[in-house]
Amino acid sequence: MSSVSKGIKKVEVGLKWDPSPVGSPPHDLDIIAATYTADAPYDSPVYLVHFDSRAPDGTITLNRDSKTGQGFGFDEVMTLELDRLAATYARVVVGVAIQPHEGHKVFGDIPNTAVRIREGHRDLAHSDLSAVSGHTAATIAEFTRAESGAWSFREFIHGFEADPTSFAAVMGTEI
């Protein structure tokens, strides 16, 4: 974790997985970020950033969106510029959800899933999501702002049985 005085400023969340076998429906995983205000840090998110959106102020951006897992390295990447978020925001929760295009899939059905959270060139967390292998969605990180304004990070792996829409509504309510 960054020093208390400076806090975390900018992080990158990367997600990767292997494509489905030829002739099978594609594995489609998505990174979702939810923002919460200081006066309601566990209520409904103020806004979400996911496959078809970005933060209204441009501070959270999905740089790469993969619908198949094809490619090298991390196929889906989101950047969070926490130091640029308005002072009204005190919490950001990041999660991963499986798109239920055809049939029910859980993380254990998708080979070689991995999530990496980095600040600069330093890994803050890395997970293969095996702890939530029986789930369709999971939170992976929580960023909170101290009264001083500094952001801190906590790895927060918690599984949900939910589609992306219902997951987005509850992902920040459970600790």
N, C-alpha and C. Protein backbone atom coordinates (compact mmCIF):
# COMPACT_ATOMS: atom_id res chain seq x y z
N MET A 1 0.84 -1.17 0.00
CA MET A 1 0.00 0.00 0.00
C MET A 1 0.89 1.23 0.00
N SER A 2 0.38 2.30 -0.58
CA SER A 2 1.11 3.55 -0.63
C SER A 2 1.21 4.15 0.77
N SER A 3 2.14 5.09 0.94
CA SER A 3 2.30 5.70 2.24
C SER A 3 1.02 6.46 2.62
N VAL A 4 0.80 6.61 3.90
CA VAL A 4 -0.41 7.26 4.40
C VAL A 4 -0.48 8.70 3.92
N SER A 5 0.62 9.37 3.87
CA SER A 5 0.60 10.78 3.52
C SER A 5 0.24 11.02 2.06
N LYS A 6 0.64 10.14 1.18
CA LYS A 6 0.37 10.34 -0.24
C LYS A 6 -0.88 9.61 -0.71
N GLY A 7 -1.11 8.44 -0.20
CA GLY A 7 -2.25 7.66 -0.64
C GLY A 7 -2.08 7.16 -2.06
N ILE A 8 -3.07 6.42 -2.50
CA ILE A 8 -3.06 5.88 -3.86
C ILE A 8 -3.65 6.93 -4.79
N LYS A 9 -3.01 7.12 -5.91
CA LYS A 9 -3.47 8.16 -6.84
C LYS A 9 -4.14 7.58 -8.08
N LYS A 10 -3.49 6.65 -8.73
CA LYS A 10 -4.00 6.11 -9.99
C LYS A 10 -3.71 4.62 -10.03
N VAL A 11 -4.73 3.82 -10.31
CA VAL A 11 -4.57 2.38 -10.38
C VAL A 11 -5.11 1.84 -11.70
N GLU A 12 -4.59 0.68 -12.04
CA GLU A 12 -5.06 -0.03 -13.22
C GLU A 12 -5.54 -1.40 -12.78
N VAL A 13 -6.75 -1.75 -13.19
CA VAL A 13 -7.31 -3.07 -12.91
C VAL A 13 -7.32 -3.84 -14.22
N GLY A 14 -6.65 -4.99 -14.24
CA GLY A 14 -6.59 -5.82 -15.44
C GLY A 14 -7.29 -7.14 -15.20
N LEU A 15 -7.95 -7.65 -16.23
CA LEU A 15 -8.68 -8.91 -16.16
C LEU A 15 -8.33 -9.72 -17.39
N LYS A 16 -8.06 -11.01 -17.18
CA LYS A 16 -7.79 -11.88 -18.33
C LYS A 16 -8.44 -13.23 -18.10
N TRP A 17 -8.66 -13.94 -19.20
CA TRP A 17 -9.24 -15.27 -19.17
C TRP A 17 -9.01 -15.91 -20.53
N ASP A 18 -9.13 -17.23 -20.59
CA ASP A 18 -8.98 -17.93 -21.86
C ASP A 18 -10.30 -17.93 -22.63
N PRO A 19 -10.20 -17.84 -23.95
CA PRO A 19 -11.42 -17.90 -24.77
C PRO A 19 -12.10 -19.26 -24.63
N SER A 20 -13.37 -19.30 -24.95
CA SER A 20 -14.10 -20.57 -24.92
C SER A 20 -13.66 -21.44 -26.09
N PRO A 21 -13.89 -22.74 -26.02
CA PRO A 21 -13.52 -23.63 -27.12
C PRO A 21 -14.28 -23.26 -28.40
N VAL A 22 -13.69 -23.56 -29.53
CA VAL A 22 -14.30 -23.26 -30.83
C VAL A 22 -15.69 -23.90 -30.87
N GLY A 23 -16.66 -23.13 -31.33
CA GLY A 23 -18.03 -23.61 -31.44
C GLY A 23 -18.86 -23.42 -30.19
N SER A 24 -18.25 -22.99 -29.10
CA SER A 24 -18.97 -22.73 -27.86
C SER A 24 -19.26 -21.23 -27.74
N PRO A 25 -20.30 -20.86 -26.97
CA PRO A 25 -20.55 -19.43 -26.74
C PRO A 25 -19.34 -18.79 -26.07
N PRO A 26 -19.04 -17.54 -26.40
CA PRO A 26 -17.85 -16.90 -25.82
C PRO A 26 -18.00 -16.65 -24.33
N HIS A 27 -16.85 -16.71 -23.65
CA HIS A 27 -16.77 -16.29 -22.25
C HIS A 27 -16.64 -14.77 -22.29
N ASP A 28 -17.54 -14.07 -21.63
CA ASP A 28 -17.52 -12.61 -21.63
C ASP A 28 -17.56 -12.13 -20.19
N LEU A 29 -16.44 -11.63 -19.70
CA LEU A 29 -16.34 -11.11 -18.35
C LEU A 29 -16.20 -9.60 -18.42
N ASP A 30 -16.69 -8.92 -17.40
CA ASP A 30 -16.64 -7.45 -17.39
C ASP A 30 -16.16 -6.93 -16.05
N ILE A 31 -15.34 -5.88 -16.10
CA ILE A 31 -14.95 -5.14 -14.90
C ILE A 31 -16.02 -4.07 -14.68
N ILE A 32 -16.43 -3.92 -13.43
CA ILE A 32 -17.42 -2.90 -13.07
C ILE A 32 -16.88 -2.13 -11.88
N ALA A 33 -16.96 -0.80 -11.94
CA ALA A 33 -16.57 0.05 -10.81
C ALA A 33 -17.80 0.83 -10.36
N ALA A 34 -18.00 0.90 -9.04
CA ALA A 34 -19.13 1.63 -8.46
C ALA A 34 -18.60 2.69 -7.51
N THR A 35 -19.14 3.90 -7.61
CA THR A 35 -18.69 5.00 -6.76
C THR A 35 -19.77 5.32 -5.71
N TYR A 36 -19.30 5.69 -4.53
CA TYR A 36 -20.19 5.98 -3.41
C TYR A 36 -19.76 7.29 -2.74
N THR A 37 -20.72 8.04 -2.23
CA THR A 37 -20.41 9.31 -1.58
C THR A 37 -20.06 9.09 -0.11
N ALA A 38 -19.47 10.11 0.49
CA ALA A 38 -19.09 10.05 1.90
C ALA A 38 -20.31 9.93 2.81
N ASP A 39 -21.42 10.54 2.43
CA ASP A 39 -22.61 10.49 3.28
C ASP A 39 -23.45 9.23 3.07
N ALA A 40 -23.15 8.42 2.06
CA ALA A 40 -23.89 7.17 1.81
C ALA A 40 -22.95 6.12 1.23
N PRO A 41 -21.89 5.74 1.97
CA PRO A 41 -20.87 4.85 1.41
C PRO A 41 -21.31 3.41 1.16
N TYR A 42 -22.48 3.00 1.68
CA TYR A 42 -22.94 1.62 1.49
C TYR A 42 -24.34 1.56 0.88
N ASP A 43 -24.84 2.68 0.39
CA ASP A 43 -26.13 2.71 -0.29
C ASP A 43 -25.94 2.35 -1.76
N SER A 44 -26.87 2.73 -2.59
CA SER A 44 -26.74 2.50 -4.03
C SER A 44 -25.60 3.35 -4.57
N PRO A 45 -24.89 2.84 -5.58
CA PRO A 45 -23.80 3.64 -6.15
C PRO A 45 -24.33 4.90 -6.83
N VAL A 46 -23.53 5.95 -6.82
CA VAL A 46 -23.88 7.19 -7.50
C VAL A 46 -23.83 6.96 -9.00
N TYR A 47 -22.77 6.29 -9.45
CA TYR A 47 -22.67 5.90 -10.85
C TYR A 47 -21.79 4.67 -10.98
N LEU A 48 -21.96 3.99 -12.11
CA LEU A 48 -21.19 2.79 -12.43
C LEU A 48 -20.37 3.05 -13.68
N VAL A 49 -19.23 2.38 -13.74
CA VAL A 49 -18.44 2.38 -14.97
C VAL A 49 -18.28 0.91 -15.36
N HIS A 50 -18.65 0.60 -16.60
CA HIS A 50 -18.57 -0.77 -17.10
C HIS A 50 -18.42 -0.73 -18.61
N PHE A 51 -18.77 -1.80 -19.28
CA PHE A 51 -18.47 -1.99 -20.70
C PHE A 51 -18.99 -0.90 -21.64
N ASP A 52 -20.03 -0.20 -21.31
CA ASP A 52 -20.54 0.83 -22.22
C ASP A 52 -20.50 2.22 -21.63
N SER A 53 -19.65 2.47 -20.66
CA SER A 53 -19.67 3.78 -20.02
C SER A 53 -18.30 4.17 -19.48
N ARG A 54 -18.24 5.38 -18.98
CA ARG A 54 -17.07 5.87 -18.26
C ARG A 54 -17.58 6.85 -17.22
N ALA A 55 -16.73 7.25 -16.29
CA ALA A 55 -17.14 8.21 -15.27
C ALA A 55 -17.52 9.52 -15.94
N PRO A 56 -18.54 10.20 -15.44
CA PRO A 56 -18.93 11.48 -16.03
C PRO A 56 -17.79 12.49 -16.11
N ASP A 57 -16.88 12.45 -15.15
CA ASP A 57 -15.76 13.38 -15.14
C ASP A 57 -14.49 12.79 -15.76
N GLY A 58 -14.56 11.58 -16.29
CA GLY A 58 -13.42 10.96 -16.95
C GLY A 58 -12.38 10.36 -16.02
N THR A 59 -12.68 10.24 -14.73
CA THR A 59 -11.69 9.74 -13.77
C THR A 59 -11.60 8.22 -13.74
N ILE A 60 -12.64 7.54 -14.21
CA ILE A 60 -12.63 6.07 -14.27
C ILE A 60 -12.99 5.69 -15.70
N THR A 61 -12.09 4.97 -16.35
CA THR A 61 -12.25 4.67 -17.77
C THR A 61 -11.94 3.20 -18.04
N LEU A 62 -12.81 2.57 -18.82
CA LEU A 62 -12.52 1.22 -19.31
C LEU A 62 -11.72 1.39 -20.59
N ASN A 63 -10.42 1.08 -20.52
CA ASN A 63 -9.52 1.29 -21.65
C ASN A 63 -9.63 0.19 -22.69
N ARG A 64 -9.87 -1.02 -22.23
CA ARG A 64 -10.00 -2.17 -23.12
C ARG A 64 -11.17 -3.02 -22.65
N ASP A 65 -12.00 -3.44 -23.60
CA ASP A 65 -13.15 -4.29 -23.28
C ASP A 65 -13.12 -5.49 -24.21
N SER A 66 -12.98 -6.66 -23.64
CA SER A 66 -12.96 -7.89 -24.43
C SER A 66 -14.27 -8.63 -24.22
N LYS A 67 -14.82 -9.14 -25.29
CA LYS A 67 -16.04 -9.94 -25.20
C LYS A 67 -15.75 -11.43 -25.34
N THR A 68 -14.47 -11.78 -25.53
CA THR A 68 -14.12 -13.18 -25.78
C THR A 68 -12.93 -13.69 -24.97
N GLY A 69 -12.08 -12.81 -24.46
CA GLY A 69 -10.87 -13.25 -23.78
C GLY A 69 -9.71 -13.48 -24.72
N GLN A 70 -9.92 -13.22 -26.01
CA GLN A 70 -8.84 -13.43 -26.98
C GLN A 70 -7.84 -12.29 -26.88
N GLY A 71 -6.59 -12.64 -26.99
CA GLY A 71 -5.54 -11.65 -26.93
C GLY A 71 -4.43 -12.11 -26.01
N PHE A 72 -3.45 -11.26 -25.86
CA PHE A 72 -2.31 -11.57 -25.01
C PHE A 72 -2.36 -10.70 -23.77
N GLY A 73 -2.04 -11.27 -22.64
CA GLY A 73 -2.02 -10.50 -21.40
C GLY A 73 -3.42 -10.21 -20.90
N PHE A 74 -3.56 -9.04 -20.31
CA PHE A 74 -4.84 -8.65 -19.73
C PHE A 74 -5.73 -8.07 -20.82
N ASP A 75 -6.86 -8.74 -21.05
CA ASP A 75 -7.74 -8.42 -22.17
C ASP A 75 -8.67 -7.26 -21.87
N GLU A 76 -8.98 -7.05 -20.62
CA GLU A 76 -9.86 -5.96 -20.21
C GLU A 76 -9.11 -5.15 -19.17
N VAL A 77 -9.07 -3.83 -19.33
CA VAL A 77 -8.30 -2.96 -18.44
C VAL A 77 -9.11 -1.71 -18.10
N MET A 78 -9.15 -1.39 -16.81
CA MET A 78 -9.83 -0.18 -16.34
C MET A 78 -8.83 0.66 -15.56
N THR A 79 -8.86 1.97 -15.78
CA THR A 79 -8.01 2.90 -15.06
C THR A 79 -8.87 3.74 -14.13
N LEU A 80 -8.42 3.85 -12.88
CA LEU A 80 -9.12 4.67 -11.88
C LEU A 80 -8.16 5.75 -11.42
N GLU A 81 -8.48 7.00 -11.70
CA GLU A 81 -7.67 8.14 -11.27
C GLU A 81 -8.32 8.67 -9.99
N LEU A 82 -8.03 8.02 -8.89
CA LEU A 82 -8.66 8.33 -7.62
C LEU A 82 -8.35 9.74 -7.14
N ASP A 83 -7.15 10.20 -7.38
CA ASP A 83 -6.76 11.54 -6.93
C ASP A 83 -7.52 12.65 -7.64
N ARG A 84 -8.19 12.33 -8.75
CA ARG A 84 -8.98 13.32 -9.49
C ARG A 84 -10.48 13.25 -9.16
N LEU A 85 -10.91 12.23 -8.41
CA LEU A 85 -12.32 12.12 -8.06
C LEU A 85 -12.73 13.28 -7.16
N ALA A 86 -13.93 13.80 -7.36
CA ALA A 86 -14.45 14.89 -6.54
C ALA A 86 -14.45 14.50 -5.07
N ALA A 87 -14.30 15.47 -4.20
CA ALA A 87 -14.23 15.23 -2.76
C ALA A 87 -15.50 14.60 -2.20
N THR A 88 -16.60 14.66 -2.90
CA THR A 88 -17.85 14.05 -2.42
C THR A 88 -17.79 12.53 -2.45
N TYR A 89 -16.88 11.96 -3.24
CA TYR A 89 -16.76 10.51 -3.33
C TYR A 89 -15.75 10.01 -2.31
N ALA A 90 -16.17 8.99 -1.54
CA ALA A 90 -15.32 8.47 -0.48
C ALA A 90 -15.03 6.98 -0.63
N ARG A 91 -15.68 6.34 -1.61
CA ARG A 91 -15.50 4.89 -1.73
C ARG A 91 -15.74 4.48 -3.18
N VAL A 92 -14.88 3.58 -3.66
CA VAL A 92 -15.04 2.97 -4.98
C VAL A 92 -14.84 1.47 -4.80
N VAL A 93 -15.82 0.70 -5.28
CA VAL A 93 -15.74 -0.76 -5.23
C VAL A 93 -15.62 -1.27 -6.66
N VAL A 94 -14.70 -2.20 -6.87
CA VAL A 94 -14.48 -2.77 -8.21
C VAL A 94 -14.83 -4.24 -8.17
N GLY A 95 -15.51 -4.69 -9.20
CA GLY A 95 -15.90 -6.09 -9.28
C GLY A 95 -15.79 -6.63 -10.69
N VAL A 96 -16.05 -7.94 -10.81
CA VAL A 96 -16.03 -8.64 -12.09
C VAL A 96 -17.33 -9.43 -12.19
N ALA A 97 -17.95 -9.40 -13.36
CA ALA A 97 -19.19 -10.16 -13.57
C ALA A 97 -19.11 -10.90 -14.90
N ILE A 98 -19.75 -12.05 -14.93
CA ILE A 98 -19.83 -12.85 -16.15
C ILE A 98 -21.12 -12.50 -16.87
N GLN A 99 -21.02 -12.18 -18.15
CA GLN A 99 -22.22 -11.92 -18.96
C GLN A 99 -22.91 -13.26 -19.23
N PRO A 100 -24.20 -13.37 -18.92
CA PRO A 100 -24.90 -14.65 -19.11
C PRO A 100 -25.51 -14.78 -20.51
N HIS A 101 -24.68 -14.67 -21.55
CA HIS A 101 -25.21 -14.71 -22.92
C HIS A 101 -25.95 -16.00 -23.21
N GLU A 102 -25.32 -17.11 -22.97
CA GLU A 102 -25.94 -18.40 -23.24
C GLU A 102 -25.55 -19.38 -22.13
N GLY A 103 -26.52 -19.72 -21.31
CA GLY A 103 -26.24 -20.69 -20.26
C GLY A 103 -25.62 -20.06 -19.03
N HIS A 104 -25.64 -20.80 -17.95
CA HIS A 104 -25.11 -20.36 -16.67
C HIS A 104 -23.63 -20.77 -16.57
N LYS A 105 -22.77 -19.79 -16.33
CA LYS A 105 -21.35 -20.05 -16.13
C LYS A 105 -20.91 -19.41 -14.83
N VAL A 106 -19.98 -20.07 -14.16
CA VAL A 106 -19.35 -19.53 -12.96
C VAL A 106 -17.86 -19.37 -13.25
N PHE A 107 -17.16 -18.66 -12.39
CA PHE A 107 -15.72 -18.42 -12.63
C PHE A 107 -14.95 -19.72 -12.79
N GLY A 108 -15.34 -20.76 -12.08
CA GLY A 108 -14.67 -22.06 -12.21
C GLY A 108 -14.82 -22.70 -13.57
N ASP A 109 -15.81 -22.27 -14.36
CA ASP A 109 -16.02 -22.79 -15.72
C ASP A 109 -15.12 -22.11 -16.75
N ILE A 110 -14.49 -21.02 -16.37
CA ILE A 110 -13.71 -20.22 -17.32
C ILE A 110 -12.23 -20.38 -16.98
N PRO A 111 -11.47 -21.00 -17.87
CA PRO A 111 -10.06 -21.28 -17.55
C PRO A 111 -9.18 -20.03 -17.52
N ASN A 112 -8.21 -20.10 -16.63
CA ASN A 112 -7.14 -19.11 -16.51
C ASN A 112 -7.61 -17.68 -16.28
N THR A 113 -8.64 -17.51 -15.43
CA THR A 113 -9.03 -16.15 -15.07
C THR A 113 -7.98 -15.58 -14.13
N ALA A 114 -7.74 -14.30 -14.28
CA ALA A 114 -6.81 -13.61 -13.40
C ALA A 114 -7.17 -12.14 -13.35
N VAL A 115 -7.01 -11.56 -12.18
CA VAL A 115 -7.22 -10.14 -11.96
C VAL A 115 -5.95 -9.58 -11.35
N ARG A 116 -5.54 -8.42 -11.85
CA ARG A 116 -4.36 -7.75 -11.31
C ARG A 116 -4.71 -6.29 -11.06
N ILE A 117 -4.32 -5.80 -9.89
CA ILE A 117 -4.52 -4.40 -9.56
C ILE A 117 -3.14 -3.80 -9.34
N ARG A 118 -2.85 -2.73 -10.08
CA ARG A 118 -1.51 -2.13 -10.05
C ARG A 118 -1.59 -0.63 -9.81
N GLU A 119 -0.58 -0.15 -9.13
CA GLU A 119 -0.34 1.28 -9.04
C GLU A 119 1.04 1.49 -9.67
N GLY A 120 1.07 2.13 -10.81
CA GLY A 120 2.32 2.24 -11.55
C GLY A 120 2.77 0.87 -11.98
N HIS A 121 3.99 0.50 -11.64
CA HIS A 121 4.52 -0.82 -11.99
C HIS A 121 4.49 -1.80 -10.81
N ARG A 122 3.80 -1.41 -9.74
CA ARG A 122 3.76 -2.22 -8.52
C ARG A 122 2.39 -2.88 -8.38
N ASP A 123 2.40 -4.21 -8.26
CA ASP A 123 1.16 -4.94 -8.04
C ASP A 123 0.67 -4.73 -6.62
N LEU A 124 -0.60 -4.33 -6.49
CA LEU A 124 -1.24 -4.23 -5.19
C LEU A 124 -1.92 -5.54 -4.84
N ALA A 125 -2.45 -6.22 -5.87
CA ALA A 125 -3.14 -7.49 -5.65
C ALA A 125 -3.17 -8.28 -6.94
N HIS A 126 -3.25 -9.59 -6.79
CA HIS A 126 -3.35 -10.50 -7.93
C HIS A 126 -4.18 -11.69 -7.47
N SER A 127 -5.19 -12.08 -8.25
CA SER A 127 -6.03 -13.21 -7.88
C SER A 127 -6.42 -14.00 -9.11
N ASP A 128 -6.58 -15.31 -8.92
CA ASP A 128 -7.09 -16.16 -10.01
C ASP A 128 -8.59 -16.41 -9.86
N LEU A 129 -9.21 -15.77 -8.89
CA LEU A 129 -10.65 -15.87 -8.59
C LEU A 129 -11.08 -17.28 -8.15
N SER A 130 -10.12 -18.13 -7.79
CA SER A 130 -10.48 -19.47 -7.32
C SER A 130 -11.28 -19.42 -6.02
N ALA A 131 -11.11 -18.38 -5.22
CA ALA A 131 -11.87 -18.25 -3.98
C ALA A 131 -13.36 -18.05 -4.23
N VAL A 132 -13.71 -17.65 -5.45
CA VAL A 132 -15.12 -17.41 -5.81
C VAL A 132 -15.49 -18.23 -7.04
N SER A 133 -14.88 -19.41 -7.18
CA SER A 133 -15.05 -20.22 -8.40
C SER A 133 -16.48 -20.67 -8.64
N GLY A 134 -17.32 -20.73 -7.63
CA GLY A 134 -18.70 -21.14 -7.80
C GLY A 134 -19.67 -19.99 -8.00
N HIS A 135 -19.16 -18.79 -8.24
CA HIS A 135 -20.00 -17.59 -8.36
C HIS A 135 -19.95 -17.01 -9.77
N THR A 136 -20.94 -16.17 -10.06
CA THR A 136 -21.03 -15.51 -11.37
C THR A 136 -20.55 -14.07 -11.35
N ALA A 137 -20.31 -13.55 -10.16
CA ALA A 137 -19.82 -12.17 -10.01
C ALA A 137 -19.04 -12.10 -8.71
N ALA A 138 -18.13 -11.13 -8.63
CA ALA A 138 -17.33 -10.98 -7.41
C ALA A 138 -16.79 -9.57 -7.29
N THR A 139 -16.75 -9.07 -6.07
CA THR A 139 -16.00 -7.85 -5.82
C THR A 139 -14.54 -8.25 -5.70
N ILE A 140 -13.65 -7.35 -6.10
CA ILE A 140 -12.23 -7.66 -6.03
C ILE A 140 -11.42 -6.60 -5.29
N ALA A 141 -11.97 -5.38 -5.17
CA ALA A 141 -11.21 -4.31 -4.54
C ALA A 141 -12.13 -3.24 -3.97
N GLU A 142 -11.64 -2.61 -2.92
CA GLU A 142 -12.32 -1.47 -2.34
C GLU A 142 -11.29 -0.38 -2.11
N PHE A 143 -11.60 0.82 -2.57
CA PHE A 143 -10.76 1.98 -2.35
C PHE A 143 -11.55 2.96 -1.50
N THR A 144 -10.95 3.45 -0.42
CA THR A 144 -11.65 4.38 0.45
C THR A 144 -10.78 5.62 0.68
N ARG A 145 -11.48 6.75 0.81
CA ARG A 145 -10.80 8.02 1.02
C ARG A 145 -10.84 8.38 2.51
N ALA A 146 -9.69 8.68 3.07
CA ALA A 146 -9.60 9.12 4.47
C ALA A 146 -10.00 10.59 4.57
N GLU A 147 -10.21 11.06 5.78
CA GLU A 147 -10.54 12.48 5.98
C GLU A 147 -9.45 13.40 5.43
N SER A 148 -8.22 12.92 5.41
CA SER A 148 -7.10 13.71 4.88
C SER A 148 -7.17 13.84 3.36
N GLY A 149 -8.00 13.00 2.72
CA GLY A 149 -8.11 13.01 1.27
C GLY A 149 -7.32 11.90 0.60
N ALA A 150 -6.47 11.20 1.37
CA ALA A 150 -5.66 10.12 0.81
C ALA A 150 -6.52 8.87 0.61
N TRP A 151 -6.30 8.19 -0.51
CA TRP A 151 -7.01 6.96 -0.83
C TRP A 151 -6.21 5.75 -0.38
N SER A 152 -6.91 4.74 0.14
CA SER A 152 -6.25 3.49 0.51
C SER A 152 -6.94 2.34 -0.23
N PHE A 153 -6.27 1.21 -0.27
CA PHE A 153 -6.73 0.04 -1.01
C PHE A 153 -6.91 -1.13 -0.06
N ARG A 154 -7.95 -1.92 -0.34
CA ARG A 154 -8.16 -3.18 0.37
C ARG A 154 -8.62 -4.21 -0.64
N GLU A 155 -7.87 -5.33 -0.71
CA GLU A 155 -8.32 -6.43 -1.55
C GLU A 155 -9.59 -6.97 -0.92
N PHE A 156 -10.62 -7.17 -1.72
CA PHE A 156 -11.96 -7.44 -1.20
C PHE A 156 -12.61 -8.46 -2.13
N ILE A 157 -12.28 -9.75 -1.96
CA ILE A 157 -12.82 -10.82 -2.81
C ILE A 157 -14.06 -11.39 -2.13
N HIS A 158 -15.20 -11.17 -2.76
CA HIS A 158 -16.48 -11.66 -2.23
C HIS A 158 -17.36 -12.06 -3.40
N GLY A 159 -17.83 -13.31 -3.41
CA GLY A 159 -18.61 -13.83 -4.52
C GLY A 159 -20.10 -13.55 -4.40
N PHE A 160 -20.74 -13.45 -5.56
CA PHE A 160 -22.18 -13.23 -5.66
C PHE A 160 -22.74 -14.15 -6.73
N GLU A 161 -23.98 -14.55 -6.56
CA GLU A 161 -24.71 -15.26 -7.60
C GLU A 161 -25.66 -14.24 -8.20
N ALA A 162 -25.18 -13.53 -9.23
CA ALA A 162 -25.95 -12.43 -9.78
C ALA A 162 -25.53 -12.16 -11.22
N ASP A 163 -26.46 -11.64 -12.01
CA ASP A 163 -26.11 -11.18 -13.34
C ASP A 163 -25.48 -9.79 -13.19
N PRO A 164 -24.85 -9.25 -14.24
CA PRO A 164 -24.17 -7.96 -14.10
C PRO A 164 -25.06 -6.83 -13.59
N THR A 165 -26.33 -6.78 -14.00
CA THR A 165 -27.20 -5.70 -13.57
C THR A 165 -27.52 -5.79 -12.09
N SER A 166 -27.93 -6.96 -11.62
CA SER A 166 -28.27 -7.08 -10.19
C SER A 166 -27.00 -7.01 -9.33
N PHE A 167 -25.88 -7.48 -9.83
CA PHE A 167 -24.62 -7.38 -9.11
C PHE A 167 -24.24 -5.92 -8.89
N ALA A 168 -24.38 -5.10 -9.91
CA ALA A 168 -24.03 -3.69 -9.82
C ALA A 168 -24.82 -2.98 -8.73
N ALA A 169 -26.04 -3.41 -8.50
CA ALA A 169 -26.89 -2.79 -7.49
C ALA A 169 -26.48 -3.15 -6.07
N VAL A 170 -25.83 -4.31 -5.87
CA VAL A 170 -25.51 -4.76 -4.51
C VAL A 170 -24.03 -4.92 -4.23
N MET A 171 -23.18 -4.72 -5.20
CA MET A 171 -21.76 -5.03 -5.03
C MET A 171 -21.07 -4.25 -3.90
N GLY A 172 -21.55 -3.10 -3.57
CA GLY A 172 -20.92 -2.32 -2.52
C GLY A 172 -21.61 -2.37 -1.19
N THR A 173 -22.68 -3.16 -1.09
CA THR A 173 -23.45 -3.19 0.14
C THR A 173 -22.92 -4.18 1.15
N GLU A 174 -22.20 -5.20 0.71
CA GLU A 174 -21.70 -6.23 1.63
C GLU A 174 -20.19 -6.06 1.83
N ILE A 175 -19.77 -6.32 3.02
CA ILE A 175 -18.33 -6.24 3.32
C ILE A 175 -17.86 -7.63 3.70
